[in-house]
Amino acid sequence: RCNHSSNYSSIISSKLIHQLRIEAGMERLKISLTAADLVQYCQEHKRSDPLLTGINTSNPFKDKKSCVLL
């Protein structure tokens, strides 16, 4: 029983180390650059964003009732 637990811990540790190595190798970007790109993307796609424009009334999956938050 103890061997099973140590095998499990070893597997979890190996997966964690693998994930950390992947993350350590990722290219880091400055938030000032990525935020500007995000703002530009949002501006370019705002007409097709259902959170900004609402859901098309012809959409058959649109809820019939509206949700009111108190």
Protein backbone atom coordinates (compact mmCIF):
# COMPACT_ATOMS: atom_id res chain seq x y z
CA ARG A 1 0.00 0.00 0.00
CA CYS A 2 2.81 2.39 0.82
CA ASN A 3 4.48 1.61 -2.52
CA HIS A 4 1.32 2.62 -4.41
CA SER A 5 1.27 5.96 -2.60
CA SER A 6 4.92 6.69 -3.39
CA ASN A 7 4.40 5.70 -7.05
CA TYR A 8 1.44 8.07 -7.25
CA SER A 9 3.47 10.88 -5.65
CA SER A 10 6.31 10.22 -8.07
CA ILE A 11 3.97 10.40 -11.07
CA ILE A 12 2.40 13.64 -9.81
CA SER A 13 5.85 15.13 -9.17
CA SER A 14 7.03 14.17 -12.66
CA LYS A 15 3.98 15.76 -14.26
CA LEU A 16 4.45 18.91 -12.21
CA ILE A 17 8.13 19.16 -13.14
CA HIS A 18 7.25 18.64 -16.81
CA GLN A 19 4.63 21.40 -16.66
CA LEU A 20 7.00 23.79 -14.88
CA ARG A 21 9.67 23.17 -17.53
CA ILE A 22 7.16 24.00 -20.26
CA GLU A 23 6.16 27.21 -18.49
CA ALA A 24 9.78 28.18 -17.83
CA GLY A 25 10.50 27.90 -21.55
CA MET A 26 7.63 30.15 -22.61
CA GLU A 27 8.41 33.53 -24.06
CA ARG A 28 7.37 36.31 -21.69
CA LEU A 29 5.83 39.49 -23.04
CA LYS A 30 5.41 42.83 -21.34
CA ILE A 31 1.85 43.49 -20.20
CA SER A 32 1.95 46.96 -21.74
CA LEU A 33 2.38 45.40 -25.20
CA THR A 34 -0.13 42.61 -24.77
CA ALA A 35 -2.74 44.94 -23.25
CA ALA A 36 -2.46 47.25 -26.25
CA ASP A 37 -2.93 44.27 -28.59
CA LEU A 38 -5.95 43.14 -26.59
CA VAL A 39 -7.55 46.59 -26.75
CA GLN A 40 -6.94 46.74 -30.50
CA TYR A 41 -8.47 43.27 -30.99
CA CYS A 42 -11.54 44.23 -28.96
CA GLN A 43 -11.99 47.43 -30.97
CA GLU A 44 -11.72 45.54 -34.25
CA HIS A 45 -14.23 42.85 -33.23
CA LYS A 46 -16.72 44.81 -31.13
CA ARG A 47 -19.46 44.67 -33.78
CA SER A 48 -19.51 40.87 -33.66
CA ASP A 49 -19.27 40.55 -29.86
CA PRO A 50 -22.61 39.32 -28.45
CA LEU A 51 -21.72 40.71 -25.02
CA LEU A 52 -21.66 44.20 -26.51
CA THR A 53 -24.29 43.98 -29.24
CA GLY A 54 -26.70 41.45 -27.76
CA ILE A 55 -27.85 38.19 -29.27
CA ASN A 56 -29.51 38.30 -32.66
CA THR A 57 -33.30 37.95 -32.32
CA SER A 58 -33.37 35.38 -35.12
CA ASN A 59 -31.16 33.04 -33.06
CA PRO A 60 -33.32 29.98 -32.22
CA PHE A 61 -31.22 29.28 -29.12
CA LYS A 62 -31.78 32.70 -27.56
CA ASP A 63 -33.58 32.52 -24.21
CA LYS A 64 -37.19 33.62 -24.40
CA LYS A 65 -37.01 35.21 -20.94
CA SER A 66 -34.62 37.88 -19.84
CA CYS A 67 -32.53 37.60 -16.71
CA VAL A 68 -32.73 40.43 -14.20
CA LEU A 69 -29.96 40.83 -11.66
CA LEU A 70 -30.89 42.46 -8.39
